[in-house]
Amino acid sequence: MSLIQTLPDGPLDIVGDIHGEYEALRHLLRHLGYDEQGHHAAGRTLVFVGDFCDRGPDSPAVLALVESLVEAGRAVAVLGNHEINLLREDAKDGSGWFFDERKERDQVRYAPFNDTDQSARRKIMAFLSRLPIALERADLRVIHAAWIGDKIDQIRHLPAGSVREHYDAWEKVARQCAQELEPRIAEEGLGWEHDLEDALHAPPFMHGLADKEALKQMMNPLKVLTSGVERKGEAAFYSSGRWRFTERVQWWNEYAEGIPVVVGHYWRRFGSTDVNDNKGGPDLFDGVPAHAWHGKTGNVFCVDFSVGARWSARKANQPLAARFKLAALQWPERVLRFDDGVVMETEGFLIFSKKIQGYAD
C-alpha cells in the first residue's frame, strides 16, 4: 500500500473537515442515512477528507468514530494538515486537547474541550500513521488540499506509514535551503517585540520571513498536498492563530486534468464572506457561489463549510449552524447534505464560466 490509494467502488458520501465537532458529525451521518455502526441501506461508503481534530469540543470522539468506521471497512479517509501536525508532534493553535503545552494557551478560544491521556494518544497516532494522503479511482480524486500532478508523482511510490519520515526529511532540506535567509529575518525582526501569535499587534511585512515560508511550503510535496499552494503575499494577515506572510493560491484554476477532485481545507461560507473567524488572507471563493464547482473546467469542489469556526459562535452565543456547517458531497449525485438537514444541488459541474471563476479576458 502506498500513500496514494484506491477509492472504493460505488456511491460515496465525502465528508468535509470536522475539527472536533462530534455532534455535528453524528447529525450529518444520520441525515445521510447511516446507522450507529456506519451501515447504509443503499451500500454507500463514507469518505473523510481529513482535519478531524482541533478547535472543536471533542476531537477524541471524532477520531474514535472515524477510526471505528475505517477499521470496519465502512469508510476511508485521508490525512489533513492537522493530523500531520499530530504525527510530527508539532503543537499548533487549537491542539491543546492533545498537546499539554498548548492546553493553557487554547483555553481562551476553544475551551471547554475534551482532552486525552497517553494511552489514547498512542492509539490515535497509530491510526493516523496508517492513513494515505490521497484516494483515487477512474472518475474521482480525493485529497485534503491540492491535487498537483508533479507533487503526487513524488509521493506515489512511498509506502503507507511513511508520512512523518518523509515529511521531516523534506522539511530538513527546506530548512537548509532557507538558512541564507536567517540574517534578513533577524534584521527585519529588530524593533518588533511581539509574538507572531499576538493578534493585537500586527507586525511589519517581513520579506525574509515571507520568502522562507514560501520556500518551505513549496519544497515539501506532502505539505503542498495537505495544506495547499502558497506564494509570498503583499501584507501580513492573521490566520490560524498567527501572523502570516504567504497567501494561499487557487491551484484549481490551473488544474486541467479531466478527473474531478474533491478537497477540504479552504473554509467556504454561505452568506457572509468575512474571514475573521480564525482565518485570513484573500477570499479564494470570491465570486464563486458556495454550492458551485470551481476551477479551470469546473471539476474541483471544496466540501469544507467552516465548521471549524463554530468555537467563535459558541463564544458569541450565536446559532452554531447559521454560518458554520459540516457538509458531505454525495457522489455521483453531486448533492450536498449538511448537518442541519439541509439538502442542496451543486451547480457548475464541468462548466467553464468566466463570471463564476472570476477570469479576465
Protein backbone atom coordinates (compact mmCIF):
# COMPACT_ATOMS: atom_id res chain seq x y z
CA MET A 1 0.00 0.00 0.00
CA SER A 2 1.26 3.45 -0.88
CA LEU A 3 0.36 6.98 0.18
CA ILE A 4 -1.95 7.14 -2.87
CA GLN A 5 -4.68 4.53 -2.51
CA THR A 6 -7.82 3.43 -4.34
CA LEU A 7 -11.30 4.77 -3.63
CA PRO A 8 -13.95 2.10 -3.07
CA ASP A 9 -16.41 1.35 -5.86
CA GLY A 10 -20.00 2.51 -5.67
CA PRO A 11 -21.70 5.67 -4.39
CA LEU A 12 -19.79 7.83 -1.90
CA ASP A 13 -20.55 10.41 0.77
CA ILE A 14 -17.50 12.69 1.04
CA VAL A 15 -17.39 14.45 4.42
CA GLY A 16 -15.62 17.78 4.84
CA ASP A 17 -13.31 18.95 7.63
CA ILE A 18 -14.80 18.11 11.06
CA HIS A 19 -12.43 19.84 13.52
CA GLY A 20 -13.65 18.13 16.67
CA GLU A 21 -17.35 18.81 16.09
CA TYR A 22 -18.56 15.39 17.16
CA GLU A 23 -22.26 16.23 17.46
CA ALA A 24 -22.26 17.81 14.01
CA LEU A 25 -20.72 14.63 12.62
CA ARG A 26 -23.32 12.41 14.29
CA HIS A 27 -26.14 14.60 12.93
CA LEU A 28 -24.68 14.57 9.43
CA LEU A 29 -24.28 10.79 9.37
CA ARG A 30 -27.89 10.39 10.47
CA HIS A 31 -29.10 12.75 7.72
CA LEU A 32 -27.03 10.77 5.22
CA GLY A 33 -28.78 7.56 6.26
CA TYR A 34 -26.05 5.79 8.25
CA ASP A 35 -26.80 3.88 11.44
CA GLU A 36 -24.66 4.00 14.58
CA GLN A 37 -22.31 1.34 13.19
CA GLY A 38 -21.86 3.12 9.85
CA HIS A 39 -24.10 0.83 7.79
CA HIS A 40 -26.08 2.34 4.93
CA ALA A 41 -29.12 0.59 3.44
CA ALA A 42 -28.05 1.57 -0.08
CA GLY A 43 -24.49 0.34 0.41
CA ARG A 44 -22.90 3.78 0.30
CA THR A 45 -19.38 4.40 1.64
CA LEU A 46 -18.11 7.33 3.71
CA VAL A 47 -15.00 9.22 2.62
CA PHE A 48 -13.32 11.68 5.00
CA VAL A 49 -11.11 14.47 3.61
CA GLY A 50 -9.09 14.95 6.80
CA ASP A 51 -8.82 17.60 9.53
CA PHE A 52 -10.80 15.56 12.04
CA CYS A 53 -9.41 17.40 15.03
CA ASP A 54 -8.50 20.70 16.75
CA ARG A 55 -10.57 23.73 17.79
CA GLY A 56 -13.83 21.86 18.39
CA PRO A 57 -15.08 20.45 21.70
CA ASP A 58 -14.47 16.72 21.17
CA SER A 59 -11.63 15.77 18.85
CA PRO A 60 -11.05 12.43 20.66
CA ALA A 61 -14.64 11.29 19.99
CA VAL A 62 -14.43 12.29 16.32
CA LEU A 63 -11.21 10.37 15.83
CA ALA A 64 -12.55 7.33 17.69
CA LEU A 65 -15.65 7.25 15.48
CA VAL A 66 -13.71 7.73 12.25
CA GLU A 67 -11.25 5.03 13.25
CA SER A 68 -14.05 2.57 14.05
CA LEU A 69 -15.68 3.21 10.66
CA VAL A 70 -12.41 2.87 8.75
CA GLU A 71 -11.34 -0.27 10.60
CA ALA A 72 -14.78 -1.83 9.95
CA GLY A 73 -14.41 -1.17 6.22
CA ARG A 74 -17.35 1.25 6.10
CA ALA A 75 -15.26 4.36 5.47
CA VAL A 76 -11.97 5.53 4.01
CA ALA A 77 -10.03 8.65 4.92
CA VAL A 78 -7.05 10.80 4.00
CA LEU A 79 -4.76 12.84 6.22
CA GLY A 80 -5.24 16.57 6.63
CA ASN A 81 -2.63 19.05 7.75
CA HIS A 82 -3.95 18.92 11.34
CA GLU A 83 -3.36 15.17 11.52
CA ILE A 84 0.14 15.60 10.14
CA ASN A 85 0.80 18.08 12.95
CA LEU A 86 -0.12 15.34 15.43
CA LEU A 87 2.04 12.75 13.69
CA ARG A 88 5.00 15.13 13.75
CA GLU A 89 4.33 16.13 17.40
CA ASP A 90 4.03 19.72 16.20
CA ALA A 91 1.73 21.54 18.64
CA LYS A 92 -0.30 24.19 16.81
CA ASP A 93 -3.21 26.51 17.60
CA GLY A 94 -6.27 24.53 18.74
CA SER A 95 -4.43 21.31 19.57
CA GLY A 96 -4.45 21.71 23.36
CA TRP A 97 -6.73 18.67 23.61
CA PHE A 98 -3.69 16.56 22.55
CA PHE A 99 -0.58 18.56 23.50
CA ASP A 100 -0.20 19.53 27.13
CA GLU A 101 1.98 22.50 26.19
CA ARG A 102 -0.93 24.04 24.23
CA LYS A 103 -3.69 23.35 26.74
CA GLU A 104 -3.48 26.55 28.76
CA ARG A 105 -2.99 28.78 25.73
CA ASP A 106 -6.01 27.27 23.93
CA GLN A 107 -8.37 27.90 26.85
CA VAL A 108 -9.09 31.45 25.68
CA ARG A 109 -10.57 30.47 22.34
CA TYR A 110 -11.59 26.85 22.43
CA ALA A 111 -12.48 25.75 25.97
CA PRO A 112 -14.23 23.68 27.05
CA PHE A 113 -12.78 20.75 25.11
CA ASN A 114 -12.23 17.10 25.91
CA ASP A 115 -8.61 16.02 26.12
CA THR A 116 -6.78 12.67 26.03
CA ASP A 117 -4.48 10.54 28.11
CA GLN A 118 -1.23 8.96 26.92
CA SER A 119 -2.85 5.65 26.04
CA ALA A 120 -5.47 7.32 23.84
CA ARG A 121 -2.80 9.45 22.19
CA ARG A 122 -0.77 6.41 21.22
CA LYS A 123 -3.86 4.79 19.71
CA ILE A 124 -4.67 7.94 17.73
CA MET A 125 -1.12 8.18 16.41
CA ALA A 126 -1.14 4.52 15.36
CA PHE A 127 -4.39 5.01 13.44
CA LEU A 128 -3.32 8.21 11.72
CA SER A 129 0.02 6.72 10.69
CA ARG A 130 -1.87 4.17 8.57
CA LEU A 131 -3.87 6.70 6.55
CA PRO A 132 -2.99 7.73 2.98
CA ILE A 133 -2.54 11.21 1.55
CA ALA A 134 -4.89 10.75 -1.42
CA LEU A 135 -7.56 8.43 -2.80
CA GLU A 136 -8.41 7.94 -6.46
CA ARG A 137 -10.41 5.95 -8.98
CA ALA A 138 -11.23 6.44 -12.65
CA ASP A 139 -13.98 9.02 -12.04
CA LEU A 140 -12.83 10.85 -8.90
CA ARG A 141 -9.91 12.02 -6.76
CA VAL A 142 -9.98 12.97 -3.08
CA ILE A 143 -7.22 14.85 -1.25
CA HIS A 144 -7.17 17.28 1.63
CA ALA A 145 -5.87 20.45 -0.01
CA ALA A 146 -4.39 20.28 -3.53
CA TRP A 147 -4.01 17.79 -6.37
CA ILE A 148 -0.77 18.87 -8.01
CA GLY A 149 0.45 16.30 -10.53
CA ASP A 150 4.19 16.54 -10.01
CA LYS A 151 3.80 16.51 -6.21
CA ILE A 152 1.56 13.44 -6.46
CA ASP A 153 4.25 11.77 -8.58
CA GLN A 154 6.85 12.49 -5.87
CA ILE A 155 4.91 10.56 -3.23
CA ARG A 156 3.09 7.90 -5.26
CA HIS A 157 5.81 5.31 -4.66
CA LEU A 158 6.11 5.98 -0.92
CA PRO A 159 4.72 3.27 1.38
CA ALA A 160 1.80 3.78 3.75
CA GLY A 161 3.03 4.63 7.22
CA SER A 162 5.95 6.73 6.00
CA VAL A 163 4.39 10.21 6.14
CA ARG A 164 6.33 11.52 9.13
CA GLU A 165 9.65 10.11 7.93
CA HIS A 166 9.44 11.71 4.50
CA TYR A 167 7.75 14.90 5.67
CA ASP A 168 10.58 15.51 8.14
CA ALA A 169 13.21 14.70 5.50
CA TRP A 170 11.78 17.28 3.10
CA GLU A 171 11.49 19.80 5.93
CA LYS A 172 15.18 19.32 6.73
CA VAL A 173 16.15 20.03 3.11
CA ALA A 174 13.91 23.11 3.05
CA ARG A 175 15.43 24.42 6.29
CA GLN A 176 18.92 24.00 4.89
CA CYS A 177 17.94 25.92 1.76
CA ALA A 178 16.38 28.66 3.86
CA GLN A 179 19.39 29.20 6.13
CA GLU A 180 20.73 32.01 3.98
CA LEU A 181 17.54 33.97 4.75
CA GLU A 182 18.09 33.97 8.52
CA PRO A 183 20.19 37.16 8.68
CA ARG A 184 17.47 39.05 6.77
CA ILE A 185 14.79 37.64 9.07
CA ALA A 186 16.72 38.62 12.18
CA GLU A 187 17.29 42.14 10.89
CA GLU A 188 13.64 42.60 9.94
CA GLY A 189 12.56 41.50 13.44
CA LEU A 190 14.57 44.20 15.18
CA GLY A 191 12.34 46.71 16.89
CA TRP A 192 9.21 44.48 16.82
CA GLU A 193 8.95 42.92 20.25
CA HIS A 194 5.70 40.94 20.00
CA ASP A 195 4.89 37.30 19.28
CA LEU A 196 3.59 36.18 15.89
CA GLU A 197 0.62 34.62 17.71
CA ASP A 198 -0.31 38.01 19.22
CA ALA A 199 -3.38 39.03 17.22
CA LEU A 200 -3.46 42.52 18.71
CA HIS A 201 -0.10 43.67 17.36
CA ALA A 202 0.33 43.49 13.60
CA PRO A 203 3.93 43.06 12.51
CA PRO A 204 5.53 44.94 9.64
CA PHE A 205 5.71 42.89 6.45
CA MET A 206 8.81 40.74 6.84
CA HIS A 207 10.10 39.91 3.35
CA GLY A 208 12.74 37.48 4.55
CA LEU A 209 10.21 35.52 6.59
CA ALA A 210 7.78 35.58 3.65
CA ASP A 211 10.44 34.14 1.33
CA LYS A 212 11.26 31.48 3.91
CA GLU A 213 7.62 30.49 4.37
CA ALA A 214 7.04 30.22 0.62
CA LEU A 215 10.21 28.18 0.11
CA LYS A 216 9.40 25.77 2.94
CA GLN A 217 5.84 25.34 1.72
CA MET A 218 6.62 24.55 -1.90
CA MET A 219 9.71 22.35 -1.45
CA ASN A 220 7.79 19.75 0.54
CA PRO A 221 5.28 17.83 -1.64
CA LEU A 222 3.48 16.42 1.40
CA LYS A 223 2.97 19.93 2.71
CA VAL A 224 1.65 21.17 -0.65
CA LEU A 225 -0.82 18.29 -0.98
CA THR A 226 -2.16 18.68 2.57
CA SER A 227 -2.05 22.45 3.06
CA GLY A 228 -2.04 23.89 -0.46
CA VAL A 229 -0.06 26.02 -2.85
CA GLU A 230 1.25 29.26 -1.37
CA ARG A 231 3.16 32.31 -2.56
CA LYS A 232 4.65 35.41 -0.99
CA GLY A 233 1.92 37.86 -0.05
CA GLU A 234 1.83 41.63 -0.01
CA ALA A 235 0.75 42.29 3.59
CA ALA A 236 0.80 40.38 6.87
CA PHE A 237 -2.51 38.82 7.90
CA TYR A 238 -3.66 36.86 10.94
CA SER A 239 -4.71 33.28 10.18
CA SER A 240 -5.00 30.06 12.18
CA GLY A 241 -3.59 31.66 15.31
CA ARG A 242 -0.58 33.56 13.95
CA TRP A 243 0.54 36.33 11.63
CA ARG A 244 1.41 35.08 8.16
CA PHE A 245 3.23 36.45 5.13
CA THR A 246 2.35 33.94 2.42
CA GLU A 247 -1.09 33.54 0.90
CA ARG A 248 -2.94 30.57 -0.49
CA VAL A 249 -3.26 30.18 -4.25
CA GLN A 250 -6.29 28.97 -6.24
CA TRP A 251 -4.44 25.97 -7.65
CA TRP A 252 -7.70 24.73 -9.18
CA ASN A 253 -7.58 27.49 -11.77
CA GLU A 254 -4.57 25.69 -13.24
CA TYR A 255 -5.96 22.16 -12.89
CA ALA A 256 -6.56 20.94 -16.45
CA GLU A 257 -6.94 17.18 -15.91
CA GLY A 258 -10.27 15.56 -16.66
CA ILE A 259 -10.79 13.66 -13.39
CA PRO A 260 -12.83 15.63 -10.80
CA VAL A 261 -11.19 16.42 -7.45
CA VAL A 262 -12.86 16.89 -4.05
CA VAL A 263 -10.93 18.71 -1.32
CA GLY A 264 -11.49 20.24 2.10
CA HIS A 265 -9.20 22.73 3.87
CA TYR A 266 -10.36 26.06 2.42
CA TRP A 267 -13.33 27.21 4.57
CA ARG A 268 -16.22 28.01 2.24
CA ARG A 269 -19.06 30.06 3.64
CA PHE A 270 -22.72 30.72 2.86
CA GLY A 271 -23.83 34.32 3.28
CA SER A 272 -21.13 36.48 4.85
CA THR A 273 -17.72 36.04 3.24
CA ASP A 274 -15.75 37.62 6.08
CA VAL A 275 -12.70 35.65 7.11
CA ASN A 276 -12.35 36.85 10.69
CA ASP A 277 -13.15 33.55 12.38
CA ASN A 278 -9.57 32.34 12.75
CA LYS A 279 -8.85 32.60 9.03
CA GLY A 280 -7.42 35.40 6.98
CA GLY A 281 -5.94 36.35 3.64
CA PRO A 282 -7.73 36.66 0.31
CA ASP A 283 -11.13 35.02 -0.15
CA LEU A 284 -10.33 32.17 -2.55
CA PHE A 285 -14.01 31.77 -3.41
CA ASP A 286 -14.75 35.40 -4.23
CA GLY A 287 -17.38 35.34 -6.98
CA VAL A 288 -17.94 31.57 -6.67
CA PRO A 289 -21.33 30.51 -5.21
CA ALA A 290 -20.86 28.38 -2.12
CA HIS A 291 -22.58 25.40 -3.75
CA ALA A 292 -20.70 25.68 -7.08
CA TRP A 293 -17.92 23.61 -8.54
CA HIS A 294 -14.87 25.67 -9.32
CA GLY A 295 -11.61 25.53 -11.20
CA LYS A 296 -10.45 25.88 -14.78
CA THR A 297 -13.04 23.43 -16.11
CA GLY A 298 -15.44 23.29 -13.17
CA ASN A 299 -14.34 19.90 -11.87
CA VAL A 300 -12.97 20.77 -8.40
CA PHE A 301 -15.17 21.04 -5.31
CA CYS A 302 -14.25 22.16 -1.79
CA VAL A 303 -16.52 20.49 0.77
CA ASP A 304 -15.23 22.38 3.83
CA PHE A 305 -18.00 24.70 5.03
CA SER A 306 -16.23 26.26 8.01
CA VAL A 307 -17.47 24.07 10.84
CA GLY A 308 -14.02 24.63 12.33
CA ALA A 309 -15.13 28.15 13.29
CA ARG A 310 -18.06 27.04 15.45
CA TRP A 311 -15.97 27.80 18.51
CA SER A 312 -16.44 31.51 17.72
CA ALA A 313 -20.23 31.11 17.54
CA ARG A 314 -20.19 29.41 20.95
CA LYS A 315 -18.21 32.27 22.43
CA ALA A 316 -20.72 34.76 21.00
CA ASN A 317 -23.79 32.69 21.96
CA GLN A 318 -24.84 32.52 18.31
CA PRO A 319 -26.62 29.66 16.48
CA LEU A 320 -23.92 27.14 15.60
CA ALA A 321 -25.14 26.12 12.15
CA ALA A 322 -26.12 29.55 10.89
CA ARG A 323 -22.74 30.25 9.29
CA PHE A 324 -20.55 27.27 10.11
CA LYS A 325 -21.67 23.92 8.71
CA LEU A 326 -20.46 20.36 8.31
CA ALA A 327 -21.20 19.04 4.84
CA ALA A 328 -20.96 15.92 2.72
CA LEU A 329 -20.85 15.82 -1.07
CA GLN A 330 -22.70 12.81 -2.45
CA TRP A 331 -21.08 11.22 -5.48
CA PRO A 332 -22.07 10.59 -8.25
CA GLU A 333 -25.23 12.59 -7.45
CA ARG A 334 -23.25 15.80 -6.77
CA VAL A 335 -25.68 16.70 -3.97
CA LEU A 336 -24.71 18.47 -0.74
CA ARG A 337 -26.12 17.39 2.62
CA PHE A 338 -25.49 19.38 5.80
CA ASP A 339 -25.53 18.55 9.50
CA ASP A 340 -28.66 20.69 9.98
CA GLY A 341 -30.57 18.56 7.45
CA VAL A 342 -30.43 20.97 4.51
CA VAL A 343 -30.05 19.32 1.10
CA MET A 344 -28.73 21.27 -1.90
CA GLU A 345 -27.86 20.53 -5.51
CA THR A 346 -24.43 21.69 -6.61
CA GLU A 347 -24.02 23.70 -9.80
CA GLY A 348 -21.44 24.47 -12.46
CA PHE A 349 -20.02 20.95 -12.82
CA LEU A 350 -17.76 20.76 -15.90
CA ILE A 351 -18.80 24.25 -16.90
CA PHE A 352 -16.13 26.86 -17.55
CA SER A 353 -17.64 30.22 -16.58
CA LYS A 354 -15.66 33.44 -16.60
CA LYS A 355 -18.32 35.04 -14.44
CA ILE A 356 -18.24 32.33 -11.78
CA GLN A 357 -14.49 31.81 -11.78
CA GLY A 358 -13.57 35.49 -11.96
CA TYR A 359 -11.40 35.09 -15.04
CA ALA A 360 -10.38 38.11 -17.06
CA ASP A 361 -10.31 38.18 -20.85
